[in-house]
PDB file of N, CA and C in Angstrom:
ATOM      1  N   ALA A   1     -58.733  25.032  26.330  1.00  0.00           N
ATOM      2  CA  ALA A   1     -58.214  23.637  26.240  1.00  0.00           C
ATOM      3  C   ALA A   1     -57.831  23.655  27.915  1.00  0.00           C
ATOM      4  N   HIS A   2     -57.645  22.221  28.347  1.00  0.00           N
ATOM      5  CA  HIS A   2     -57.328  21.868  29.472  1.00  0.00           C
ATOM      6  C   HIS A   2     -55.940  21.390  29.410  1.00  0.00           C
ATOM      7  N   GLY A   3     -55.094  20.919  29.885  1.00  0.00           N
ATOM      8  CA  GLY A   3     -53.868  20.108  30.012  1.00  0.00           C
ATOM      9  C   GLY A   3     -53.940  19.040  30.589  1.00  0.00           C
ATOM     10  N   ARG A   4     -53.514  18.082  30.764  1.00  0.00           N
ATOM     11  CA  ARG A   4     -53.016  17.040  31.564  1.00  0.00           C
ATOM     12  C   ARG A   4     -51.721  16.388  31.543  1.00  0.00           C
ATOM     13  N   VAL A   5     -51.694  16.226  32.791  1.00  0.00           N
ATOM     14  CA  VAL A   5     -49.724  15.619  32.709  1.00  0.00           C
ATOM     15  C   VAL A   5     -48.941  14.687  31.332  1.00  0.00           C
ATOM     16  N   GLY A   6     -48.217  15.103  30.717  1.00  0.00           N
ATOM     17  CA  GLY A   6     -47.642  14.337  29.945  1.00  0.00           C
ATOM     18  C   GLY A   6     -48.446  14.407  28.863  1.00  0.00           C
ATOM     19  N   ASP A   7     -49.547  15.193  28.767  1.00  0.00           N
ATOM     20  CA  ASP A   7     -49.802  15.481  27.155  1.00  0.00           C
ATOM     21  C   ASP A   7     -49.398  16.291  26.298  1.00  0.00           C
ATOM     22  N   THR A   8     -47.627  16.004  25.827  1.00  0.00           N
ATOM     23  CA  THR A   8     -47.019  17.088  24.937  1.00  0.00           C
ATOM     24  C   THR A   8     -47.709  17.498  23.160  1.00  0.00           C
ATOM     25  N   GLY A   9     -48.392  15.840  23.034  1.00  0.00           N
ATOM     26  CA  GLY A   9     -48.883  15.997  21.778  1.00  0.00           C
ATOM     27  C   GLY A   9     -50.482  17.017  22.029  1.00  0.00           C
ATOM     28  N   GLN A  10     -51.290  16.458  22.906  1.00  0.00           N
ATOM     29  CA  GLN A  10     -52.182  17.746  22.985  1.00  0.00           C
ATOM     30  C   GLN A  10     -51.977  18.837  22.871  1.00  0.00           C
ATOM     31  N   ARG A  11     -50.846  19.488  23.674  1.00  0.00           N
ATOM     32  CA  ARG A  11     -50.292  20.683  23.552  1.00  0.00           C
ATOM     33  C   ARG A  11     -49.810  21.521  22.071  1.00  0.00           C
ATOM     34  N   ALA A  12     -49.124  20.289  21.382  1.00  0.00           N
ATOM     35  CA  ALA A  12     -48.980  20.401  19.934  1.00  0.00           C
ATOM     36  C   ALA A  12     -49.881  21.168  19.408  1.00  0.00           C
ATOM     37  N   ALA A  13     -50.950  19.993  19.394  1.00  0.00           N
ATOM     38  CA  ALA A  13     -52.042  20.442  19.038  1.00  0.00           C
ATOM     39  C   ALA A  13     -52.667  21.657  18.586  1.00  0.00           C
ATOM     40  N   VAL A  14     -52.994  21.852  20.308  1.00  0.00           N
ATOM     41  CA  VAL A  14     -53.526  23.237  20.334  1.00  0.00           C
ATOM     42  C   VAL A  14     -52.953  24.081  20.014  1.00  0.00           C
ATOM     43  N   ALA A  15     -51.358  24.089  20.192  1.00  0.00           N
ATOM     44  CA  ALA A  15     -50.689  25.667  19.748  1.00  0.00           C
ATOM     45  C   ALA A  15     -50.775  25.488  18.252  1.00  0.00           C
ATOM     46  N   ARG A  16     -50.388  24.253  17.396  1.00  0.00           N
ATOM     47  CA  ARG A  16     -50.908  24.889  16.058  1.00  0.00           C
ATOM     48  C   ARG A  16     -51.619  25.270  15.638  1.00  0.00           C
ATOM     49  N   ASP A  17     -53.211  24.423  15.901  1.00  0.00           N
ATOM     50  CA  ASP A  17     -55.015  25.261  15.516  1.00  0.00           C
ATOM     51  C   ASP A  17     -55.092  26.462  15.910  1.00  0.00           C
ATOM     52  N   GLN A  18     -54.415  26.406  16.937  1.00  0.00           N
ATOM     53  CA  GLN A  18     -55.560  28.334  17.637  1.00  0.00           C
ATOM     54  C   GLN A  18     -54.627  28.992  18.155  1.00  0.00           C
ATOM     55  N   ALA A  19     -53.260  29.122  17.613  1.00  0.00           N
ATOM     56  CA  ALA A  19     -52.271  30.498  17.825  1.00  0.00           C
ATOM     57  C   ALA A  19     -52.350  31.486  16.436  1.00  0.00           C
ATOM     58  N   GLN A  20     -53.053  30.836  15.922  1.00  0.00           N
ATOM     59  CA  GLN A  20     -52.983  32.157  14.511  1.00  0.00           C
ATOM     60  C   GLN A  20     -54.834  32.681  14.991  1.00  0.00           C
ATOM     61  N   PRO A  21     -54.309  34.420  14.785  1.00  0.00           N
ATOM     62  CA  PRO A  21     -55.453  34.983  14.968  1.00  0.00           C
ATOM     63  C   PRO A  21     -56.266  35.130  13.973  1.00  0.00           C
ATOM     64  N   GLY A  22     -57.556  35.264  14.130  1.00  0.00           N
ATOM     65  CA  GLY A  22     -58.512  35.412  12.976  1.00  0.00           C
ATOM     66  C   GLY A  22     -59.060  34.255  11.738  1.00  0.00           C
ATOM     67  N   ARG A  23     -58.201  33.414  11.302  1.00  0.00           N
ATOM     68  CA  ARG A  23     -57.924  32.424  10.178  1.00  0.00           C
ATOM     69  C   ARG A  23     -58.742  31.100  10.600  1.00  0.00           C
ATOM     70  N   ARG A  24     -58.336  30.297  12.003  1.00  0.00           N
ATOM     71  CA  ARG A  24     -58.921  30.044  12.360  1.00  0.00           C
ATOM     72  C   ARG A  24     -58.395  29.614  13.988  1.00  0.00           C
ATOM     73  N   GLY A  25     -57.343  30.269  14.217  1.00  0.00           N
ATOM     74  CA  GLY A  25     -57.173  30.180  15.844  1.00  0.00           C
ATOM     75  C   GLY A  25     -58.387  31.356  16.833  1.00  0.00           C
ATOM     76  N   HIS A  26     -57.606  31.655  17.684  1.00  0.00           N
ATOM     77  CA  HIS A  26     -58.041  32.192  18.424  1.00  0.00           C
ATOM     78  C   HIS A  26     -57.273  33.576  19.577  1.00  0.00           C
ATOM     79  N   ASN A  27     -55.837  33.253  18.469  1.00  0.00           N
ATOM     80  CA  ASN A  27     -55.085  33.836  19.299  1.00  0.00           C
ATOM     81  C   ASN A  27     -54.653  32.749  21.159  1.00  0.00           C
ATOM     82  N   ILE A  28     -54.196  31.587  21.158  1.00  0.00           N
ATOM     83  CA  ILE A  28     -54.223  31.216  22.026  1.00  0.00           C
ATOM     84  C   ILE A  28     -52.904  30.313  22.419  1.00  0.00           C
ATOM     85  N   ARG A  29     -52.187  30.442  23.305  1.00  0.00           N
ATOM     86  CA  ARG A  29     -50.591  29.703  23.833  1.00  0.00           C
ATOM     87  C   ARG A  29     -51.421  28.228  24.498  1.00  0.00           C
ATOM     88  N   ALA A  30     -50.325  27.474  24.251  1.00  0.00           N
ATOM     89  CA  ALA A  30     -50.804  26.572  24.695  1.00  0.00           C
ATOM     90  C   ALA A  30     -49.146  26.230  24.935  1.00  0.00           C
ATOM     91  N   ASN A  31     -48.725  26.004  26.334  1.00  0.00           N
ATOM     92  CA  ASN A  31     -47.802  24.765  26.557  1.00  0.00           C
ATOM     93  C   ASN A  31     -47.636  24.375  28.058  1.00  0.00           C
ATOM     94  N   ALA A  32     -46.823  23.539  28.025  1.00  0.00           N
ATOM     95  CA  ALA A  32     -46.643  22.544  28.775  1.00  0.00           C
ATOM     96  C   ALA A  32     -45.471  22.922  30.726  1.00  0.00           C
ATOM     97  N   LEU A  33     -45.447  22.508  31.654  1.00  0.00           N
ATOM     98  CA  LEU A  33     -44.601  22.397  32.664  1.00  0.00           C
ATOM     99  C   LEU A  33     -44.562  21.043  33.022  1.00  0.00           C
ATOM    100  N   CYS A  34     -43.397  20.886  33.427  1.00  0.00           N
ATOM    101  CA  CYS A  34     -42.967  19.580  33.941  1.00  0.00           C
ATOM    102  C   CYS A  34     -41.844  19.993  34.682  1.00  0.00           C
ATOM    103  N   PRO A  35     -42.336  19.592  36.189  1.00  0.00           N
ATOM    104  CA  PRO A  35     -42.164  20.007  37.047  1.00  0.00           C
ATOM    105  C   PRO A  35     -41.258  18.846  37.552  1.00  0.00           C
ATOM    106  N   GLY A  36     -39.784  19.029  38.506  1.00  0.00           N
ATOM    107  CA  GLY A  36     -39.410  18.017  39.420  1.00  0.00           C
ATOM    108  C   GLY A  36     -39.942  17.513  40.615  1.00  0.00           C
ATOM    109  N   PRO A  37     -39.762  17.272  41.376  1.00  0.00           N
ATOM    110  CA  PRO A  37     -39.473  17.416  42.665  1.00  0.00           C
ATOM    111  C   PRO A  37     -40.157  17.875  43.964  1.00  0.00           C
ATOM    112  N   VAL A  38     -41.779  18.495  43.806  1.00  0.00           N
ATOM    113  CA  VAL A  38     -41.973  19.242  44.407  1.00  0.00           C
ATOM    114  C   VAL A  38     -42.584  19.266  45.568  1.00  0.00           C
ATOM    115  N   GLN A  39     -42.164  20.050  46.726  1.00  0.00           N
ATOM    116  CA  GLN A  39     -42.143  20.159  47.859  1.00  0.00           C
ATOM    117  C   GLN A  39     -43.380  20.466  48.469  1.00  0.00           C
ATOM    118  N   THR A  40     -44.526  19.639  48.594  1.00  0.00           N
ATOM    119  CA  THR A  40     -45.817  19.805  48.824  1.00  0.00           C
ATOM    120  C   THR A  40     -45.983  18.769  50.034  1.00  0.00           C
ATOM    121  N   PRO A  41     -47.479  19.182  50.837  1.00  0.00           N
ATOM    122  CA  PRO A  41     -47.832  17.532  51.656  1.00  0.00           C
ATOM    123  C   PRO A  41     -48.078  16.608  50.621  1.00  0.00           C
ATOM    124  N   LEU A  42     -48.009  16.331  49.853  1.00  0.00           N
ATOM    125  CA  LEU A  42     -48.392  15.433  49.221  1.00  0.00           C
ATOM    126  C   LEU A  42     -46.877  14.539  48.858  1.00  0.00           C
ATOM    127  N   TRP A  43     -45.956  15.129  48.946  1.00  0.00           N
ATOM    128  CA  TRP A  43     -44.803  14.159  48.933  1.00  0.00           C
ATOM    129  C   TRP A  43     -43.715  12.859  49.745  1.00  0.00           C
ATOM    130  N   PRO A  44     -44.477  13.620  51.296  1.00  0.00           N
ATOM    131  CA  PRO A  44     -44.041  12.205  52.072  1.00  0.00           C
ATOM    132  C   PRO A  44     -44.913  10.987  51.696  1.00  0.00           C
ATOM    133  N   SER A  45     -46.089  11.222  51.401  1.00  0.00           N
ATOM    134  CA  SER A  45     -46.617   9.645  50.692  1.00  0.00           C
ATOM    135  C   SER A  45     -45.954   9.320  49.623  1.00  0.00           C
ATOM    136  N   PHE A  46     -45.700  10.039  49.164  1.00  0.00           N
ATOM    137  CA  PHE A  46     -44.985  10.083  47.675  1.00  0.00           C
ATOM    138  C   PHE A  46     -44.000   8.861  48.015  1.00  0.00           C
ATOM    139  N   VAL A  47     -43.011   9.630  48.221  1.00  0.00           N
ATOM    140  CA  VAL A  47     -41.613   8.408  49.373  1.00  0.00           C
ATOM    141  C   VAL A  47     -41.580   7.843  49.849  1.00  0.00           C
ATOM    142  N   GLY A  48     -42.787   7.266  50.799  1.00  0.00           N
ATOM    143  CA  GLY A  48     -43.085   6.206  51.213  1.00  0.00           C
ATOM    144  C   GLY A  48     -43.843   5.342  51.158  1.00  0.00           C
ATOM    145  N   ARG A  49     -44.423   5.549  49.523  1.00  0.00           N
ATOM    146  CA  ARG A  49     -45.204   4.654  48.840  1.00  0.00           C
ATOM    147  C   ARG A  49     -44.469   2.636  49.407  1.00  0.00           C
ATOM    148  N   ASN A  50     -43.074   2.734  49.036  1.00  0.00           N
ATOM    149  CA  ASN A  50     -43.051   1.731  48.909  1.00  0.00           C
ATOM    150  C   ASN A  50     -41.902   1.412  50.243  1.00  0.00           C
ATOM    151  N   PRO A  51     -41.891   1.225  51.101  1.00  0.00           N
ATOM    152  CA  PRO A  51     -41.649   1.135  52.178  1.00  0.00           C
ATOM    153  C   PRO A  51     -39.970  -0.057  52.496  1.00  0.00           C
ATOM    154  N   ASP A  52     -41.023  -0.911  51.329  1.00  0.00           N
ATOM    155  CA  ASP A  52     -40.294  -2.805  52.181  1.00  0.00           C
ATOM    156  C   ASP A  52     -38.921  -2.703  50.462  1.00  0.00           C
ATOM    157  N   VAL A  53     -39.218  -1.586  49.743  1.00  0.00           N
ATOM    158  CA  VAL A  53     -38.129  -1.106  48.661  1.00  0.00           C
ATOM    159  C   VAL A  53     -37.264  -1.033  48.731  1.00  0.00           C
ATOM    160  N   ILE A  54     -37.638   0.603  49.069  1.00  0.00           N
ATOM    161  CA  ILE A  54     -36.937   1.085  49.131  1.00  0.00           C
ATOM    162  C   ILE A  54     -37.236   2.639  50.688  1.00  0.00           C
ATOM    163  N   SER A  55     -36.489   2.867  51.554  1.00  0.00           N
ATOM    164  CA  SER A  55     -36.594   3.700  52.660  1.00  0.00           C
ATOM    165  C   SER A  55     -37.331   5.083  52.072  1.00  0.00           C
ATOM    166  N   PRO A  56     -38.074   6.072  52.458  1.00  0.00           N
ATOM    167  CA  PRO A  56     -38.915   7.127  52.088  1.00  0.00           C
ATOM    168  C   PRO A  56     -37.282   8.196  52.458  1.00  0.00           C
ATOM    169  N   ALA A  57     -36.656   7.797  53.331  1.00  0.00           N
ATOM    170  CA  ALA A  57     -35.534   8.669  53.338  1.00  0.00           C
ATOM    171  C   ALA A  57     -34.084   8.575  52.120  1.00  0.00           C
ATOM    172  N   ASP A  58     -34.262   7.312  51.692  1.00  0.00           N
ATOM    173  CA  ASP A  58     -33.274   6.795  50.522  1.00  0.00           C
ATOM    174  C   ASP A  58     -33.740   7.441  49.087  1.00  0.00           C
ATOM    175  N   LEU A  59     -35.032   7.736  49.083  1.00  0.00           N
ATOM    176  CA  LEU A  59     -35.665   8.193  47.501  1.00  0.00           C
ATOM    177  C   LEU A  59     -35.328   9.175  47.230  1.00  0.00           C
ATOM    178  N   GLU A  60     -35.600  10.245  49.011  1.00  0.00           N
ATOM    179  CA  GLU A  60     -35.602  11.414  48.905  1.00  0.00           C
ATOM    180  C   GLU A  60     -34.397  11.919  48.411  1.00  0.00           C
ATOM    181  N   LYS A  61     -33.699  10.865  48.868  1.00  0.00           N
ATOM    182  CA  LYS A  61     -32.140  11.487  48.569  1.00  0.00           C
ATOM    183  C   LYS A  61     -31.606  10.866  47.115  1.00  0.00           C
ATOM    184  N   ALA A  62     -32.502   9.818  46.883  1.00  0.00           N
ATOM    185  CA  ALA A  62     -31.939   9.668  45.535  1.00  0.00           C
ATOM    186  C   ALA A  62     -32.812  10.640  44.027  1.00  0.00           C
ATOM    187  N   PHE A  63     -33.669  11.175  44.571  1.00  0.00           N
ATOM    188  CA  PHE A  63     -34.612  12.266  44.065  1.00  0.00           C
ATOM    189  C   PHE A  63     -33.366  13.440  44.169  1.00  0.00           C
ATOM    190  N   LEU A  64     -32.926  13.689  45.267  1.00  0.00           N
ATOM    191  CA  LEU A  64     -32.249  14.979  45.150  1.00  0.00           C
ATOM    192  C   LEU A  64     -30.397  14.937  44.723  1.00  0.00           C
ATOM    193  N   ASN A  65     -30.312  13.626  44.503  1.00  0.00           N
ATOM    194  CA  ASN A  65     -28.961  13.363  43.610  1.00  0.00           C
ATOM    195  C   ASN A  65     -29.177  13.787  42.239  1.00  0.00           C
ATOM    196  N   ARG A  66     -30.127  13.201  41.620  1.00  0.00           N
ATOM    197  CA  ARG A  66     -30.187  13.976  40.206  1.00  0.00           C
ATOM    198  C   ARG A  66     -31.026  15.035  39.629  1.00  0.00           C
ATOM    199  N   VAL A  67     -31.071  16.320  41.152  1.00  0.00           N
ATOM    200  CA  VAL A  67     -31.489  17.522  40.941  1.00  0.00           C
ATOM    201  C   VAL A  67     -30.311  18.363  41.462  1.00  0.00           C
ATOM    202  N   PRO A  68     -29.445  18.858  39.634  1.00  0.00           N
ATOM    203  CA  PRO A  68     -28.456  19.493  40.334  1.00  0.00           C
ATOM    204  C   PRO A  68     -28.162  20.793  41.361  1.00  0.00           C
ATOM    205  N   MET A  69     -29.057  21.577  41.482  1.00  0.00           N
ATOM    206  CA  MET A  69     -29.965  22.701  42.205  1.00  0.00           C
ATOM    207  C   MET A  69     -29.933  21.956  43.928  1.00  0.00           C
ATOM    208  N   GLY A  70     -30.325  20.887  43.819  1.00  0.00           N
ATOM    209  CA  GLY A  70     -29.485  20.349  45.022  1.00  0.00           C
ATOM    210  C   GLY A  70     -30.963  20.010  46.182  1.00  0.00           C
ATOM    211  N   ARG A  71     -32.043  20.659  45.832  1.00  0.00           N
ATOM    212  CA  ARG A  71     -33.139  21.124  46.335  1.00  0.00           C
ATOM    213  C   ARG A  71     -34.532  20.905  45.862  1.00  0.00           C
ATOM    214  N   MET A  72     -35.325  20.764  46.986  1.00  0.00           N
ATOM    215  CA  MET A  72     -36.463  20.142  46.161  1.00  0.00           C
ATOM    216  C   MET A  72     -37.195  21.696  45.625  1.00  0.00           C
ATOM    217  N   ILE A  73     -38.257  21.913  44.917  1.00  0.00           N
ATOM    218  CA  ILE A  73     -38.990  22.679  44.284  1.00  0.00           C
ATOM    219  C   ILE A  73     -39.762  23.323  44.998  1.00  0.00           C
ATOM    220  N   GLN A  74     -39.959  24.545  45.301  1.00  0.00           N
ATOM    221  CA  GLN A  74     -41.250  24.933  46.112  1.00  0.00           C
ATOM    222  C   GLN A  74     -42.385  25.342  44.611  1.00  0.00           C
ATOM    223  N   PRO A  75     -43.628  25.075  45.688  1.00  0.00           N
ATOM    224  CA  PRO A  75     -45.312  25.047  44.694  1.00  0.00           C
ATOM    225  C   PRO A  75     -44.904  26.577  43.787  1.00  0.00           C
ATOM    226  N   GLU A  76     -44.295  27.391  44.517  1.00  0.00           N
ATOM    227  CA  GLU A  76     -44.799  29.035  44.653  1.00  0.00           C
ATOM    228  C   GLU A  76     -43.785  28.995  43.235  1.00  0.00           C
ATOM    229  N   GLU A  77     -42.657  28.502  42.883  1.00  0.00           N
ATOM    230  CA  GLU A  77     -41.657  28.243  42.149  1.00  0.00           C
ATOM    231  C   GLU A  77     -42.642  27.902  40.591  1.00  0.00           C
ATOM    232  N   ILE A  78     -43.076  26.861  41.025  1.00  0.00           N
ATOM    233  CA  ILE A  78     -44.088  26.530  39.810  1.00  0.00           C
ATOM    234  C   ILE A  78     -45.473  27.453  39.286  1.00  0.00           C
ATOM    235  N   ALA A  79     -45.454  27.599  40.033  1.00  0.00           N
ATOM    236  CA  ALA A  79     -46.902  29.035  40.116  1.00  0.00           C
ATOM    237  C   ALA A  79     -45.867  29.791  39.077  1.00  0.00           C
ATOM    238  N   ARG A  80     -44.971  30.728  39.183  1.00  0.00           N
ATOM    239  CA  ARG A  80     -43.883  31.707  38.882  1.00  0.00           C
ATOM    240  C   ARG A  80     -44.090  31.662  37.751  1.00  0.00           C
ATOM    241  N   ALA A  81     -43.755  30.150  37.326  1.00  0.00           N
ATOM    242  CA  ALA A  81     -43.088  29.510  35.558  1.00  0.00           C
ATOM    243  C   ALA A  81     -44.693  29.681  34.981  1.00  0.00           C
ATOM    244  N   ALA A  82     -46.109  29.349  35.528  1.00  0.00           N
ATOM    245  CA  ALA A  82     -46.838  29.687  35.221  1.00  0.00           C
ATOM    246  C   ALA A  82     -47.135  30.590  34.310  1.00  0.00           C
ATOM    247  N   LEU A  83     -47.184  31.525  35.742  1.00  0.00           N
ATOM    248  CA  LEU A  83     -47.331  32.820  35.028  1.00  0.00           C
ATOM    249  C   LEU A  83     -47.006  33.900  34.436  1.00  0.00           C
ATOM    250  N   PHE A  84     -45.413  33.149  34.389  1.00  0.00           N
ATOM    251  CA  PHE A  84     -44.518  33.896  33.468  1.00  0.00           C
ATOM    252  C   PHE A  84     -45.011  33.383  31.787  1.00  0.00           C
ATOM    253  N   LEU A  85     -45.545  32.145  31.842  1.00  0.00           N
ATOM    254  CA  LEU A  85     -45.926  31.815  30.203  1.00  0.00           C
ATOM    255  C   LEU A  85     -47.509  32.275  29.902  1.00  0.00           C
ATOM    256  N   CYS A  86     -48.186  32.877  31.073  1.00  0.00           N
ATOM    257  CA  CYS A  86     -49.915  33.362  30.936  1.00  0.00           C
ATOM    258  C   CYS A  86     -48.965  35.034  30.880  1.00  0.00           C
ATOM    259  N   SER A  87     -48.356  35.548  31.018  1.00  0.00           N
ATOM    260  CA  SER A  87     -48.056  37.187  31.268  1.00  0.00           C
ATOM    261  C   SER A  87     -47.922  37.300  29.993  1.00  0.00           C
ATOM    262  N   ASP A  88     -47.932  38.876  29.719  1.00  0.00           N
ATOM    263  CA  ASP A  88     -47.888  39.597  28.418  1.00  0.00           C
ATOM    264  C   ASP A  88     -45.796  39.293  28.430  1.00  0.00           C
ATOM    265  N   GLU A  89     -44.865  39.127  29.208  1.00  0.00           N
ATOM    266  CA  GLU A  89     -43.847  38.642  29.049  1.00  0.00           C
ATOM    267  C   GLU A  89     -43.289  37.911  27.730  1.00  0.00           C
ATOM    268  N   ALA A  90     -44.681  37.183  27.851  1.00  0.00           N
ATOM    269  CA  ALA A  90     -44.017  35.582  26.685  1.00  0.00           C
ATOM    270  C   ALA A  90     -45.716  35.975  25.623  1.00  0.00           C
ATOM    271  N   PRO A  91     -45.517  37.002  24.942  1.00  0.00           N
ATOM    272  CA  PRO A  91     -46.835  36.711  24.012  1.00  0.00           C
ATOM    273  C   PRO A  91     -46.491  35.950  22.605  1.00  0.00           C
ATOM    274  N   VAL A  92     -45.023  35.812  22.597  1.00  0.00           N
ATOM    275  CA  VAL A  92     -45.163  34.495  21.813  1.00  0.00           C
ATOM    276  C   VAL A  92     -44.315  33.088  21.376  1.00  0.00           C
ATOM    277  N   ILE A  93     -44.675  32.758  23.124  1.00  0.00           N
ATOM    278  CA  ILE A  93     -44.203  31.446  23.689  1.00  0.00           C
ATOM    279  C   ILE A  93     -45.563  30.624  23.638  1.00  0.00           C
ATOM    280  N   THR A  94     -45.350  29.452  22.746  1.00  0.00           N
ATOM    281  CA  THR A  94     -46.164  28.374  22.512  1.00  0.00           C
ATOM    282  C   THR A  94     -45.892  27.545  21.955  1.00  0.00           C
ATOM    283  N   GLY A  95     -46.485  26.182  22.365  1.00  0.00           N
ATOM    284  CA  GLY A  95     -46.022  25.012  21.952  1.00  0.00           C
ATOM    285  C   GLY A  95     -44.579  24.631  22.396  1.00  0.00           C
ATOM    286  N   VAL A  96     -44.187  24.953  23.547  1.00  0.00           N
ATOM    287  CA  VAL A  96     -43.129  24.765  24.373  1.00  0.00           C
ATOM    288  C   VAL A  96     -43.234  23.640  25.575  1.00  0.00           C
ATOM    289  N   VAL A  97     -42.584  22.933  25.912  1.00  0.00           N
ATOM    290  CA  VAL A  97     -42.601  22.242  27.122  1.00  0.00           C
ATOM    291  C   VAL A  97     -41.060  22.520  27.853  1.00  0.00           C
ATOM    292  N   MET A  98     -41.810  23.093  29.241  1.00  0.00           N
ATOM    293  CA  MET A  98     -40.895  23.775  29.748  1.00  0.00           C
ATOM    294  C   MET A  98     -40.596  23.573  31.335  1.00  0.00           C
ATOM    295  N   PRO A  99     -39.277  22.084  31.224  1.00  0.00           N
ATOM    296  CA  PRO A  99     -38.706  21.930  32.799  1.00  0.00           C
ATOM    297  C   PRO A  99     -38.584  22.880  33.799  1.00  0.00           C
ATOM    298  N   VAL A 100     -39.593  22.846  34.969  1.00  0.00           N
ATOM    299  CA  VAL A 100     -39.326  23.435  36.356  1.00  0.00           C
ATOM    300  C   VAL A 100     -38.856  22.473  37.023  1.00  0.00           C
ATOM    301  N   ASP A 101     -37.690  22.429  37.372  1.00  0.00           N
ATOM    302  CA  ASP A 101     -37.287  20.458  37.725  1.00  0.00           C
ATOM    303  C   ASP A 101     -35.926  21.089  38.438  1.00  0.00           C
ATOM    304  N   GLY A 102     -35.256  22.380  38.265  1.00  0.00           N
ATOM    305  CA  GLY A 102     -34.371  22.136  39.357  1.00  0.00           C
ATOM    306  C   GLY A 102     -32.991  21.337  38.358  1.00  0.00           C
ATOM    307  N   GLY A 103     -33.158  20.863  37.403  1.00  0.00           N
ATOM    308  CA  GLY A 103     -31.805  20.395  36.176  1.00  0.00           C
ATOM    309  C   GLY A 103     -32.410  18.919  36.753  1.00  0.00           C
ATOM    310  N   TYR A 104     -33.088  18.517  36.870  1.00  0.00           N
ATOM    311  CA  TYR A 104     -33.199  17.201  37.555  1.00  0.00           C
ATOM    312  C   TYR A 104     -33.660  16.483  35.890  1.00  0.00           C
ATOM    313  N   LEU A 105     -34.016  16.928  34.235  1.00  0.00           N
ATOM    314  CA  LEU A 105     -34.071  16.658  33.321  1.00  0.00           C
ATOM    315  C   LEU A 105     -32.825  15.844  32.858  1.00  0.00           C
ATOM    316  N   VAL A 106     -31.709  17.250  32.476  1.00  0.00           N
ATOM    317  CA  VAL A 106     -30.727  17.327  32.024  1.00  0.00           C
ATOM    318  C   VAL A 106     -29.314  16.568  32.851  1.00  0.00           C
ATOM    319  N   SER A 107     -29.939  15.681  34.295  1.00  0.00           N
ATOM    320  CA  SER A 107     -29.025  15.249  34.893  1.00  0.00           C
ATOM    321  C   SER A 107     -28.251  13.573  34.512  1.00  0.00           C
TER     322      SER A 107
END
């Protein structure tokens, strides 16, 4: 199964149906990562999409003001979270929605 951004219902269904080895499942874990503002080459075009409404610098500042850690998330940090969930270190973690956002969702 593959995931889509924001498709937590699909994640929950796969987690329920596929987690059980043998009976009907295949010992598959299904989780969702919810990244915050990630520093990628696309970020400048995202913050610059409505310059008549808000300047790119002001929009970026507004995002970062809501991130308690006060910085952009790096792509490698998202990758490390995904690798953890896929690793043998997380054998019983399934059905979770994991924010990787520097605290954005709790601010």
